[in-house]
Amino acid sequence: MNRDLGIYVDRDSGERYTVTERTQEVSFTNISGKKSVGRGSVDYITSCGIDLNSLDSDLESFELIQKDGIIRKESP
């Protein structure tokens, strides 16, 4: 399951990125045979494929993993 978080900006370079939160769905079957789906791991990525590390719990800033830089949520 994917959720767009918005536009983020690298203030040093001026580059803009769309950030997506990706949540893995985990399916399992309990002992009675009932199949269920739950939320699994969550990661963050830009629309151009750069992996991100969240720097705060409010998802206002991220570290670009493959590039050296920090991006911050663009103000509306």
Protein backbone atom coordinates (compact mmCIF):
# COMPACT_ATOMS: atom_id res chain seq x y z
CA MET A 1 0.00 0.00 0.00
CA ASN A 2 1.43 3.39 -1.01
CA ARG A 3 0.63 6.86 0.34
CA ASP A 4 1.99 10.11 -1.12
CA LEU A 5 3.29 12.41 1.60
CA GLY A 6 3.79 15.47 -0.60
CA ILE A 7 6.58 17.57 -2.05
CA TYR A 8 9.91 17.89 -0.23
CA VAL A 9 12.77 20.27 -1.06
CA ASP A 10 16.54 20.01 -0.73
CA ARG A 11 17.26 23.57 0.41
CA ASP A 12 20.94 23.35 -0.58
CA SER A 13 20.37 22.30 -4.22
CA GLY A 14 16.77 23.49 -4.75
CA GLU A 15 15.75 20.04 -6.03
CA ARG A 16 12.16 18.97 -5.32
CA TYR A 17 11.03 15.40 -4.65
CA THR A 18 7.68 13.67 -4.24
CA VAL A 19 7.89 11.34 -1.24
CA THR A 20 5.91 8.11 -0.93
CA GLU A 21 5.36 5.97 2.16
CA ARG A 22 5.28 2.28 1.25
CA THR A 23 3.68 -0.23 3.62
CA GLN A 24 4.10 -3.94 3.03
CA GLU A 25 0.98 -6.02 3.46
CA VAL A 26 1.50 -9.28 5.31
CA SER A 27 -1.01 -12.08 4.83
CA PHE A 28 -1.29 -15.02 7.17
CA THR A 29 -3.67 -17.83 8.03
CA ASN A 30 -4.53 -18.50 11.66
CA ILE A 31 -4.98 -21.95 13.16
CA SER A 32 -8.70 -22.03 12.32
CA GLY A 33 -7.90 -21.42 8.65
CA LYS A 34 -9.07 -17.82 8.46
CA LYS A 35 -6.86 -15.72 6.20
CA SER A 36 -5.97 -12.22 7.40
CA VAL A 37 -3.97 -9.31 6.05
CA GLY A 38 -2.03 -6.93 8.29
CA ARG A 39 0.41 -4.08 7.99
CA GLY A 40 4.06 -4.95 7.80
CA SER A 41 7.20 -2.87 7.40
CA VAL A 42 7.12 0.77 6.28
CA ASP A 43 9.74 2.54 4.19
CA TYR A 44 10.02 5.84 2.33
CA ILE A 45 11.13 6.56 -1.23
CA THR A 46 11.12 9.44 -3.69
CA SER A 47 9.24 9.20 -6.98
CA CYS A 48 12.62 8.95 -8.75
CA GLY A 49 13.67 5.93 -6.66
CA ILE A 50 15.91 7.40 -3.93
CA ASP A 51 15.58 5.60 -0.59
CA LEU A 52 14.97 7.80 2.46
CA ASN A 53 15.52 7.75 6.22
CA SER A 54 12.92 9.60 8.25
CA LEU A 55 14.52 12.18 10.55
CA ASP A 56 11.47 12.92 12.70
CA SER A 57 8.21 11.32 13.76
CA ASP A 58 6.13 14.01 12.00
CA LEU A 59 7.65 13.04 8.60
CA GLU A 60 8.74 16.66 8.02
CA SER A 61 12.30 15.81 6.94
CA PHE A 62 14.21 12.90 5.41
CA GLU A 63 17.83 11.99 4.69
CA LEU A 64 18.53 11.03 1.07
CA ILE A 65 20.33 7.67 1.35
CA GLN A 66 21.95 7.39 -2.11
CA LYS A 67 22.76 11.11 -2.24
CA ASP A 68 24.20 13.36 0.39
CA GLY A 69 21.41 15.63 1.52
CA ILE A 70 18.38 16.41 3.64
CA ILE A 71 14.93 17.20 2.25
CA ARG A 72 12.20 19.05 4.11
CA LYS A 73 8.46 19.22 3.52
CA GLU A 74 7.48 22.13 1.30
CA SER A 75 5.22 24.69 2.94
CA PRO A 76 1.80 25.05 1.28
